[in-house]
PDB file of N, CA and C in Angstrom:
ATOM      1  N   ASP A   1     -85.677 -42.504  30.747  1.00  0.00           N
ATOM      2  CA  ASP A   1     -85.974 -43.029  32.060  1.00  0.00           C
ATOM      3  C   ASP A   1     -87.105 -42.225  32.679  1.00  0.00           C
ATOM      4  N   LYS A   2     -87.967 -42.955  33.362  1.00  0.00           N
ATOM      5  CA  LYS A   2     -89.085 -42.289  34.017  1.00  0.00           C
ATOM      6  C   LYS A   2     -88.743 -41.988  35.466  1.00  0.00           C
ATOM      7  N   LYS A   3     -89.263 -40.878  35.914  1.00  0.00           N
ATOM      8  CA  LYS A   3     -89.062 -40.495  37.300  1.00  0.00           C
ATOM      9  C   LYS A   3     -90.032 -41.306  38.163  1.00  0.00           C
ATOM     10  N   PRO A   4     -89.563 -41.876  39.278  1.00  0.00           N
ATOM     11  CA  PRO A   4     -90.462 -42.645  40.150  1.00  0.00           C
ATOM     12  C   PRO A   4     -91.592 -41.761  40.677  1.00  0.00           C
ATOM     13  N   VAL A   5     -92.760 -42.334  40.752  1.00  0.00           N
ATOM     14  CA  VAL A   5     -93.928 -41.625  41.253  1.00  0.00           C
ATOM     15  C   VAL A   5     -94.398 -42.320  42.518  1.00  0.00           C
ATOM     16  N   LYS A   6     -94.615 -41.542  43.564  1.00  0.00           N
ATOM     17  CA  LYS A   6     -95.143 -42.098  44.805  1.00  0.00           C
ATOM     18  C   LYS A   6     -96.664 -42.101  44.736  1.00  0.00           C
ATOM     19  N   PHE A   7     -97.234 -43.157  45.270  1.00  0.00           N
ATOM     20  CA  PHE A   7     -98.684 -43.224  45.333  1.00  0.00           C
ATOM     21  C   PHE A   7     -99.071 -44.023  46.569  1.00  0.00           C
ATOM     22  N   THR A   8    -100.286 -43.825  47.015  1.00  0.00           N
ATOM     23  CA  THR A   8    -100.785 -44.502  48.200  1.00  0.00           C
ATOM     24  C   THR A   8    -101.697 -45.637  47.771  1.00  0.00           C
ATOM     25  N   ILE A   9    -101.451 -46.801  48.327  1.00  0.00           N
ATOM     26  CA  ILE A   9    -102.300 -47.958  48.069  1.00  0.00           C
ATOM     27  C   ILE A   9    -103.464 -47.885  49.051  1.00  0.00           C
ATOM     28  N   THR A  10    -104.671 -47.952  48.521  1.00  0.00           N
ATOM     29  CA  THR A  10    -105.860 -47.862  49.366  1.00  0.00           C
ATOM     30  C   THR A  10    -106.308 -49.250  49.804  1.00  0.00           C
ATOM     31  N   ASP A  11    -107.168 -49.263  50.822  1.00  0.00           N
ATOM     32  CA  ASP A  11    -107.740 -50.535  51.271  1.00  0.00           C
ATOM     33  C   ASP A  11    -108.560 -51.179  50.159  1.00  0.00           C
ATOM     34  N   THR A  12    -109.219 -50.366  49.356  1.00  0.00           N
ATOM     35  CA  THR A  12    -110.006 -50.883  48.231  1.00  0.00           C
ATOM     36  C   THR A  12    -109.102 -51.610  47.240  1.00  0.00           C
ATOM     37  N   GLN A  13    -107.953 -51.034  46.955  1.00  0.00           N
ATOM     38  CA  GLN A  13    -107.017 -51.676  46.034  1.00  0.00           C
ATOM     39  C   GLN A  13    -106.466 -52.971  46.626  1.00  0.00           C
ATOM     40  N   ARG A  14    -106.210 -52.979  47.910  1.00  0.00           N
ATOM     41  CA  ARG A  14    -105.754 -54.208  48.566  1.00  0.00           C
ATOM     42  C   ARG A  14    -106.828 -55.291  48.481  1.00  0.00           C
ATOM     43  N   ASP A  15    -108.078 -54.901  48.726  1.00  0.00           N
ATOM     44  CA  ASP A  15    -109.183 -55.851  48.628  1.00  0.00           C
ATOM     45  C   ASP A  15    -109.312 -56.394  47.206  1.00  0.00           C
ATOM     46  N   MET A  16    -109.170 -55.510  46.221  1.00  0.00           N
ATOM     47  CA  MET A  16    -109.240 -55.937  44.821  1.00  0.00           C
ATOM     48  C   MET A  16    -108.134 -56.954  44.525  1.00  0.00           C
ATOM     49  N   ALA A  17    -106.935 -56.688  45.024  1.00  0.00           N
ATOM     50  CA  ALA A  17    -105.803 -57.595  44.787  1.00  0.00           C
ATOM     51  C   ALA A  17    -106.073 -58.958  45.418  1.00  0.00           C
ATOM     52  N   ARG A  18    -106.580 -58.962  46.649  1.00  0.00           N
ATOM     53  CA  ARG A  18    -106.902 -60.233  47.316  1.00  0.00           C
ATOM     54  C   ARG A  18    -107.965 -60.999  46.542  1.00  0.00           C
ATOM     55  N   GLN A  19    -109.004 -60.288  46.104  1.00  0.00           N
ATOM     56  CA  GLN A  19    -110.069 -60.935  45.333  1.00  0.00           C
ATOM     57  C   GLN A  19    -109.509 -61.573  44.067  1.00  0.00           C
ATOM     58  N   TYR A  20    -108.646 -60.848  43.385  1.00  0.00           N
ATOM     59  CA  TYR A  20    -108.064 -61.359  42.142  1.00  0.00           C
ATOM     60  C   TYR A  20    -107.203 -62.593  42.416  1.00  0.00           C
ATOM     61  N   LEU A  21    -106.378 -62.529  43.446  1.00  0.00           N
ATOM     62  CA  LEU A  21    -105.509 -63.661  43.762  1.00  0.00           C
ATOM     63  C   LEU A  21    -106.322 -64.891  44.155  1.00  0.00           C
ATOM     64  N   ARG A  22    -107.394 -64.691  44.898  1.00  0.00           N
ATOM     65  CA  ARG A  22    -108.269 -65.820  45.244  1.00  0.00           C
ATOM     66  C   ARG A  22    -108.932 -66.386  43.988  1.00  0.00           C
ATOM     67  N   ALA A  23    -109.395 -65.496  43.121  1.00  0.00           N
ATOM     68  CA  ALA A  23    -110.086 -65.932  41.909  1.00  0.00           C
ATOM     69  C   ALA A  23    -109.168 -66.704  40.969  1.00  0.00           C
ATOM     70  N   THR A  24    -107.891 -66.343  40.955  1.00  0.00           N
ATOM     71  CA  THR A  24    -106.953 -67.018  40.063  1.00  0.00           C
ATOM     72  C   THR A  24    -106.257 -68.194  40.743  1.00  0.00           C
ATOM     73  N   GLY A  25    -106.547 -68.402  42.028  1.00  0.00           N
ATOM     74  CA  GLY A  25    -105.978 -69.535  42.746  1.00  0.00           C
ATOM     75  C   GLY A  25    -104.524 -69.347  43.144  1.00  0.00           C
ATOM     76  N   GLU A  26    -104.057 -68.124  43.152  1.00  0.00           N
ATOM     77  CA  GLU A  26    -102.673 -67.854  43.538  1.00  0.00           C
ATOM     78  C   GLU A  26    -102.592 -67.661  45.050  1.00  0.00           C
ATOM     79  N   PHE A  27    -101.403 -67.918  45.583  1.00  0.00           N
ATOM     80  CA  PHE A  27    -101.182 -67.677  47.002  1.00  0.00           C
ATOM     81  C   PHE A  27    -101.167 -66.174  47.258  1.00  0.00           C
ATOM     82  N   ILE A  28    -101.686 -65.802  48.406  1.00  0.00           N
ATOM     83  CA  ILE A  28    -101.657 -64.395  48.799  1.00  0.00           C
ATOM     84  C   ILE A  28    -100.435 -64.206  49.683  1.00  0.00           C
ATOM     85  N   CYS A  29     -99.410 -63.624  49.105  1.00  0.00           N
ATOM     86  CA  CYS A  29     -98.174 -63.363  49.834  1.00  0.00           C
ATOM     87  C   CYS A  29     -97.656 -61.996  49.385  1.00  0.00           C
ATOM     88  N   ASN A  30     -96.565 -61.572  49.952  1.00  0.00           N
ATOM     89  CA  ASN A  30     -96.019 -60.256  49.647  1.00  0.00           C
ATOM     90  C   ASN A  30     -95.722 -60.105  48.151  1.00  0.00           C
ATOM     91  N   LYS A  31     -95.100 -61.112  47.570  1.00  0.00           N
ATOM     92  CA  LYS A  31     -94.701 -61.043  46.164  1.00  0.00           C
ATOM     93  C   LYS A  31     -95.918 -60.928  45.233  1.00  0.00           C
ATOM     94  N   THR A  32     -96.913 -61.793  45.431  1.00  0.00           N
ATOM     95  CA  THR A  32     -98.083 -61.756  44.539  1.00  0.00           C
ATOM     96  C   THR A  32     -98.932 -60.511  44.777  1.00  0.00           C
ATOM     97  N   MET A  33     -99.003 -60.065  46.035  1.00  0.00           N
ATOM     98  CA  MET A  33     -99.760 -58.840  46.330  1.00  0.00           C
ATOM     99  C   MET A  33     -99.109 -57.642  45.644  1.00  0.00           C
ATOM    100  N   GLN A  34     -97.788 -57.536  45.733  1.00  0.00           N
ATOM    101  CA  GLN A  34     -97.098 -56.409  45.111  1.00  0.00           C
ATOM    102  C   GLN A  34     -97.306 -56.415  43.594  1.00  0.00           C
ATOM    103  N   ALA A  35     -97.162 -57.580  42.988  1.00  0.00           N
ATOM    104  CA  ALA A  35     -97.320 -57.673  41.533  1.00  0.00           C
ATOM    105  C   ALA A  35     -98.749 -57.315  41.120  1.00  0.00           C
ATOM    106  N   THR A  36     -99.714 -57.791  41.882  1.00  0.00           N
ATOM    107  CA  THR A  36    -101.119 -57.512  41.561  1.00  0.00           C
ATOM    108  C   THR A  36    -101.454 -56.051  41.808  1.00  0.00           C
ATOM    109  N   LEU A  37    -100.957 -55.496  42.899  1.00  0.00           N
ATOM    110  CA  LEU A  37    -101.204 -54.077  43.173  1.00  0.00           C
ATOM    111  C   LEU A  37    -100.606 -53.194  42.080  1.00  0.00           C
ATOM    112  N   MET A  38     -99.450 -53.557  41.568  1.00  0.00           N
ATOM    113  CA  MET A  38     -98.846 -52.775  40.474  1.00  0.00           C
ATOM    114  C   MET A  38     -99.737 -52.822  39.231  1.00  0.00           C
ATOM    115  N   LYS A  39    -100.334 -53.971  38.962  1.00  0.00           N
ATOM    116  CA  LYS A  39    -101.248 -54.079  37.813  1.00  0.00           C
ATOM    117  C   LYS A  39    -102.470 -53.185  38.028  1.00  0.00           C
ATOM    118  N   ILE A  40    -102.962 -53.151  39.248  1.00  0.00           N
ATOM    119  CA  ILE A  40    -104.131 -52.311  39.556  1.00  0.00           C
ATOM    120  C   ILE A  40    -103.761 -50.837  39.402  1.00  0.00           C
ATOM    121  N   VAL A  41    -102.627 -50.438  39.956  1.00  0.00           N
ATOM    122  CA  VAL A  41    -102.193 -49.039  39.883  1.00  0.00           C
ATOM    123  C   VAL A  41    -101.960 -48.619  38.436  1.00  0.00           C
ATOM    124  N   LYS A  42    -101.375 -49.492  37.635  1.00  0.00           N
ATOM    125  CA  LYS A  42    -101.107 -49.188  36.227  1.00  0.00           C
ATOM    126  C   LYS A  42    -102.377 -49.210  35.369  1.00  0.00           C
ATOM    127  N   GLY A  43    -103.465 -49.733  35.931  1.00  0.00           N
ATOM    128  CA  GLY A  43    -104.714 -49.795  35.178  1.00  0.00           C
ATOM    129  C   GLY A  43    -104.842 -51.059  34.333  1.00  0.00           C
ATOM    130  N   GLU A  44    -103.922 -52.002  34.514  1.00  0.00           N
ATOM    131  CA  GLU A  44    -103.972 -53.254  33.766  1.00  0.00           C
ATOM    132  C   GLU A  44    -105.020 -54.205  34.324  1.00  0.00           C
ATOM    133  N   LEU A  45    -105.411 -53.979  35.564  1.00  0.00           N
ATOM    134  CA  LEU A  45    -106.361 -54.845  36.247  1.00  0.00           C
ATOM    135  C   LEU A  45    -107.409 -53.967  36.912  1.00  0.00           C
ATOM    136  N   ASP A  46    -108.671 -54.213  36.568  1.00  0.00           N
ATOM    137  CA  ASP A  46    -109.754 -53.443  37.176  1.00  0.00           C
ATOM    138  C   ASP A  46    -110.819 -54.394  37.703  1.00  0.00           C
ATOM    139  N   ILE A  47    -111.859 -53.838  38.284  1.00  0.00           N
ATOM    140  CA  ILE A  47    -112.904 -54.646  38.920  1.00  0.00           C
ATOM    141  C   ILE A  47    -113.598 -55.556  37.909  1.00  0.00           C
ATOM    142  N   GLU A  48    -113.736 -55.123  36.675  1.00  0.00           N
ATOM    143  CA  GLU A  48    -114.376 -55.963  35.651  1.00  0.00           C
ATOM    144  C   GLU A  48    -113.542 -57.204  35.369  1.00  0.00           C
ATOM    145  N   LYS A  49    -112.239 -57.055  35.283  1.00  0.00           N
ATOM    146  CA  LYS A  49    -111.360 -58.202  35.041  1.00  0.00           C
ATOM    147  C   LYS A  49    -111.350 -59.139  36.249  1.00  0.00           C
ATOM    148  N   ILE A  50    -111.443 -58.561  37.432  1.00  0.00           N
ATOM    149  CA  ILE A  50    -111.489 -59.382  38.643  1.00  0.00           C
ATOM    150  C   ILE A  50    -112.780 -60.181  38.671  1.00  0.00           C
ATOM    151  N   GLU A  51    -113.894 -59.545  38.338  1.00  0.00           N
ATOM    152  CA  GLU A  51    -115.181 -60.249  38.302  1.00  0.00           C
ATOM    153  C   GLU A  51    -115.151 -61.367  37.254  1.00  0.00           C
ATOM    154  N   ARG A  52    -114.530 -61.094  36.126  1.00  0.00           N
ATOM    155  CA  ARG A  52    -114.402 -62.130  35.083  1.00  0.00           C
ATOM    156  C   ARG A  52    -113.579 -63.310  35.599  1.00  0.00           C
ATOM    157  N   ALA A  53    -112.498 -63.024  36.303  1.00  0.00           N
ATOM    158  CA  ALA A  53    -111.669 -64.091  36.868  1.00  0.00           C
ATOM    159  C   ALA A  53    -112.473 -64.916  37.871  1.00  0.00           C
ATOM    160  N   LYS A  54    -113.305 -64.262  38.670  1.00  0.00           N
ATOM    161  CA  LYS A  54    -114.155 -64.981  39.626  1.00  0.00           C
ATOM    162  C   LYS A  54    -115.125 -65.906  38.899  1.00  0.00           C
ATOM    163  N   LYS A  55    -115.743 -65.399  37.840  1.00  0.00           N
ATOM    164  CA  LYS A  55    -116.699 -66.209  37.079  1.00  0.00           C
ATOM    165  C   LYS A  55    -116.007 -67.379  36.387  1.00  0.00           C
ATOM    166  N   GLU A  56    -114.798 -67.141  35.885  1.00  0.00           N
ATOM    167  CA  GLU A  56    -114.046 -68.226  35.249  1.00  0.00           C
ATOM    168  C   GLU A  56    -113.688 -69.303  36.268  1.00  0.00           C
ATOM    169  N   ARG A  57    -113.322 -68.889  37.468  1.00  0.00           N
ATOM    170  CA  ARG A  57    -113.009 -69.871  38.513  1.00  0.00           C
ATOM    171  C   ARG A  57    -114.255 -70.668  38.881  1.00  0.00           C
ATOM    172  N   GLU A  58    -115.389 -69.986  39.007  1.00  0.00           N
ATOM    173  CA  GLU A  58    -116.636 -70.677  39.326  1.00  0.00           C
ATOM    174  C   GLU A  58    -116.995 -71.669  38.217  1.00  0.00           C
ATOM    175  N   LEU A  59    -116.806 -71.260  36.970  1.00  0.00           N
ATOM    176  CA  LEU A  59    -117.081 -72.145  35.842  1.00  0.00           C
ATOM    177  C   LEU A  59    -116.182 -73.382  35.895  1.00  0.00           C
ATOM    178  N   ARG A  60    -114.891 -73.194  36.161  1.00  0.00           N
ATOM    179  CA  ARG A  60    -113.972 -74.339  36.268  1.00  0.00           C
ATOM    180  C   ARG A  60    -114.401 -75.286  37.390  1.00  0.00           C
ATOM    181  N   MET A  61    -114.831 -74.718  38.520  1.00  0.00           N
ATOM    182  CA  MET A  61    -115.276 -75.551  39.638  1.00  0.00           C
ATOM    183  C   MET A  61    -116.527 -76.333  39.266  1.00  0.00           C
ATOM    184  N   LEU A  62    -117.466 -75.689  38.574  1.00  0.00           N
ATOM    185  CA  LEU A  62    -118.686 -76.373  38.156  1.00  0.00           C
ATOM    186  C   LEU A  62    -118.388 -77.456  37.123  1.00  0.00           C
ATOM    187  N   GLN A  63    -117.451 -77.190  36.216  1.00  0.00           N
ATOM    188  CA  GLN A  63    -117.071 -78.194  35.236  1.00  0.00           C
ATOM    189  C   GLN A  63    -116.432 -79.402  35.918  1.00  0.00           C
ATOM    190  N   GLN A  64    -115.609 -79.150  36.916  1.00  0.00           N
ATOM    191  CA  GLN A  64    -114.988 -80.253  37.652  1.00  0.00           C
ATOM    192  C   GLN A  64    -116.036 -81.048  38.408  1.00  0.00           C
ATOM    193  N   GLU A  65    -116.989 -80.350  39.014  1.00  0.00           N
ATOM    194  CA  GLU A  65    -118.074 -81.013  39.731  1.00  0.00           C
ATOM    195  C   GLU A  65    -118.900 -81.864  38.769  1.00  0.00           C
ATOM    196  N   ASP A  66    -119.162 -81.338  37.582  1.00  0.00           N
ATOM    197  CA  ASP A  66    -119.907 -82.080  36.572  1.00  0.00           C
ATOM    198  C   ASP A  66    -119.154 -83.342  36.165  1.00  0.00           C
ATOM    199  N   ALA A  67    -117.852 -83.218  35.966  1.00  0.00           N
ATOM    200  CA  ALA A  67    -117.037 -84.369  35.593  1.00  0.00           C
ATOM    201  C   ALA A  67    -117.034 -85.409  36.710  1.00  0.00           C
ATOM    202  N   ASP A  68    -116.928 -84.955  37.953  1.00  0.00           N
ATOM    203  CA  ASP A  68    -116.954 -85.875  39.094  1.00  0.00           C
ATOM    204  C   ASP A  68    -118.289 -86.608  39.182  1.00  0.00           C
ATOM    205  N   LEU A  69    -119.380 -85.876  38.982  1.00  0.00           N
ATOM    206  CA  LEU A  69    -120.703 -86.496  39.039  1.00  0.00           C
ATOM    207  C   LEU A  69    -120.907 -87.466  37.890  1.00  0.00           C
ATOM    208  N   SER A  70    -120.419 -87.121  36.715  1.00  0.00           N
ATOM    209  CA  SER A  70    -120.525 -88.020  35.567  1.00  0.00           C
ATOM    210  C   SER A  70    -119.778 -89.316  35.835  1.00  0.00           C
ATOM    211  N   GLU A  71    -118.605 -89.206  36.434  1.00  0.00           N
ATOM    212  CA  GLU A  71    -117.825 -90.399  36.770  1.00  0.00           C
ATOM    213  C   GLU A  71    -118.549 -91.249  37.804  1.00  0.00           C
ATOM    214  N   LEU A  72    -119.153 -90.602  38.783  1.00  0.00           N
ATOM    215  CA  LEU A  72    -119.900 -91.319  39.812  1.00  0.00           C
ATOM    216  C   LEU A  72    -121.102 -92.037  39.211  1.00  0.00           C
ATOM    217  N   ILE A  73    -121.798 -91.369  38.313  1.00  0.00           N
ATOM    218  CA  ILE A  73    -122.946 -91.993  37.648  1.00  0.00           C
ATOM    219  C   ILE A  73    -122.493 -93.202  36.841  1.00  0.00           C
ATOM    220  N   GLU A  74    -121.396 -93.051  36.126  1.00  0.00           N
ATOM    221  CA  GLU A  74    -120.873 -94.153  35.324  1.00  0.00           C
ATOM    222  C   GLU A  74    -120.498 -95.346  36.208  1.00  0.00           C
ATOM    223  N   GLN A  75    -119.848 -95.076  37.331  1.00  0.00           N
ATOM    224  CA  GLN A  75    -119.483 -96.149  38.253  1.00  0.00           C
ATOM    225  C   GLN A  75    -120.723 -96.818  38.843  1.00  0.00           C
ATOM    226  N   SER A  76    -121.737 -96.022  39.159  1.00  0.00           N
ATOM    227  CA  SER A  76    -122.977 -96.574  39.713  1.00  0.00           C
ATOM    228  C   SER A  76    -123.676 -97.457  38.691  1.00  0.00           C
ATOM    229  N   GLU A  77    -123.720 -96.996  37.448  1.00  0.00           N
ATOM    230  CA  GLU A  77    -124.349 -97.798  36.397  1.00  0.00           C
ATOM    231  C   GLU A  77    -123.596 -99.107  36.190  1.00  0.00           C
ATOM    232  N   GLN A  78    -122.270 -99.061  36.231  1.00  0.00           N
ATOM    233  CA  GLN A  78    -121.453-100.267  36.080  1.00  0.00           C
ATOM    234  C   GLN A  78    -121.700-101.223  37.240  1.00  0.00           C
ATOM    235  N   TYR A  79    -121.796-100.687  38.449  1.00  0.00           N
ATOM    236  CA  TYR A  79    -122.051-101.500  39.629  1.00  0.00           C
ATOM    237  C   TYR A  79    -123.404-102.195  39.516  1.00  0.00           C
ATOM    238  N   ILE A  80    -124.420-101.441  39.123  1.00  0.00           N
ATOM    239  CA  ILE A  80    -125.770-102.008  38.979  1.00  0.00           C
ATOM    240  C   ILE A  80    -125.762-103.085  37.902  1.00  0.00           C
ATOM    241  N   GLU A  81    -125.106-102.798  36.802  1.00  0.00           N
ATOM    242  CA  GLU A  81    -125.040-103.756  35.697  1.00  0.00           C
ATOM    243  C   GLU A  81    -124.344-105.044  36.144  1.00  0.00           C
ATOM    244  N   ASN A  82    -123.253-104.931  36.878  1.00  0.00           N
ATOM    245  CA  ASN A  82    -122.528-106.110  37.364  1.00  0.00           C
ATOM    246  C   ASN A  82    -123.354-106.908  38.361  1.00  0.00           C
ATOM    247  N   ASN A  83    -124.083-106.231  39.224  1.00  0.00           N
ATOM    248  CA  ASN A  83    -124.913-106.923  40.209  1.00  0.00           C
ATOM    249  C   ASN A  83    -126.109-107.595  39.575  1.00  0.00           C
ATOM    250  N   MET A  84    -126.630-107.054  38.501  1.00  0.00           N
ATOM    251  CA  MET A  84    -127.763-107.674  37.823  1.00  0.00           C
ATOM    252  C   MET A  84    -127.305-108.968  37.147  1.00  0.00           C
ATOM    253  N   GLU A  85    -126.068-108.975  36.632  1.00  0.00           N
ATOM    254  CA  GLU A  85    -125.532-110.174  35.996  1.00  0.00           C
ATOM    255  C   GLU A  85    -125.307-111.286  37.025  1.00  0.00           C
ATOM    256  N   VAL A  86    -124.899-110.909  38.218  1.00  0.00           N
ATOM    257  CA  VAL A  86    -124.622-111.886  39.264  1.00  0.00           C
ATOM    258  C   VAL A  86    -125.921-112.540  39.737  1.00  0.00           C
ATOM    259  N   THR A  87    -127.007-111.781  39.814  1.00  0.00           N
ATOM    260  CA  THR A  87    -128.272-112.309  40.339  1.00  0.00           C
ATOM    261  C   THR A  87    -129.014-113.140  39.313  1.00  0.00           C
ATOM    262  N   LYS A  88    -128.612-113.126  38.068  1.00  0.00           N
ATOM    263  CA  LYS A  88    -129.329-113.899  37.038  1.00  0.00           C
ATOM    264  C   LYS A  88    -129.010-115.353  37.130  1.00  0.00           C
TER     265      LYS A  88
END
């Protein structure tokens, strides 16, 4: 059994936890903050991993935007095609 160790959570660590939770799309609440802060304190989560999570979230958002635009283009092309048939 390990002896409990006391440590102080800094504002920087709190900010890192919030950034990570936002990047992963998780709710920021007591439970998720505690779990994330423990990962930071244990060294399982660092600024590089948080930055990677942010970039992955941005990539997912851009991919979704691309898919939405592709669908819009397809619908527009179908609309134009249908209207050209009607006017003939």
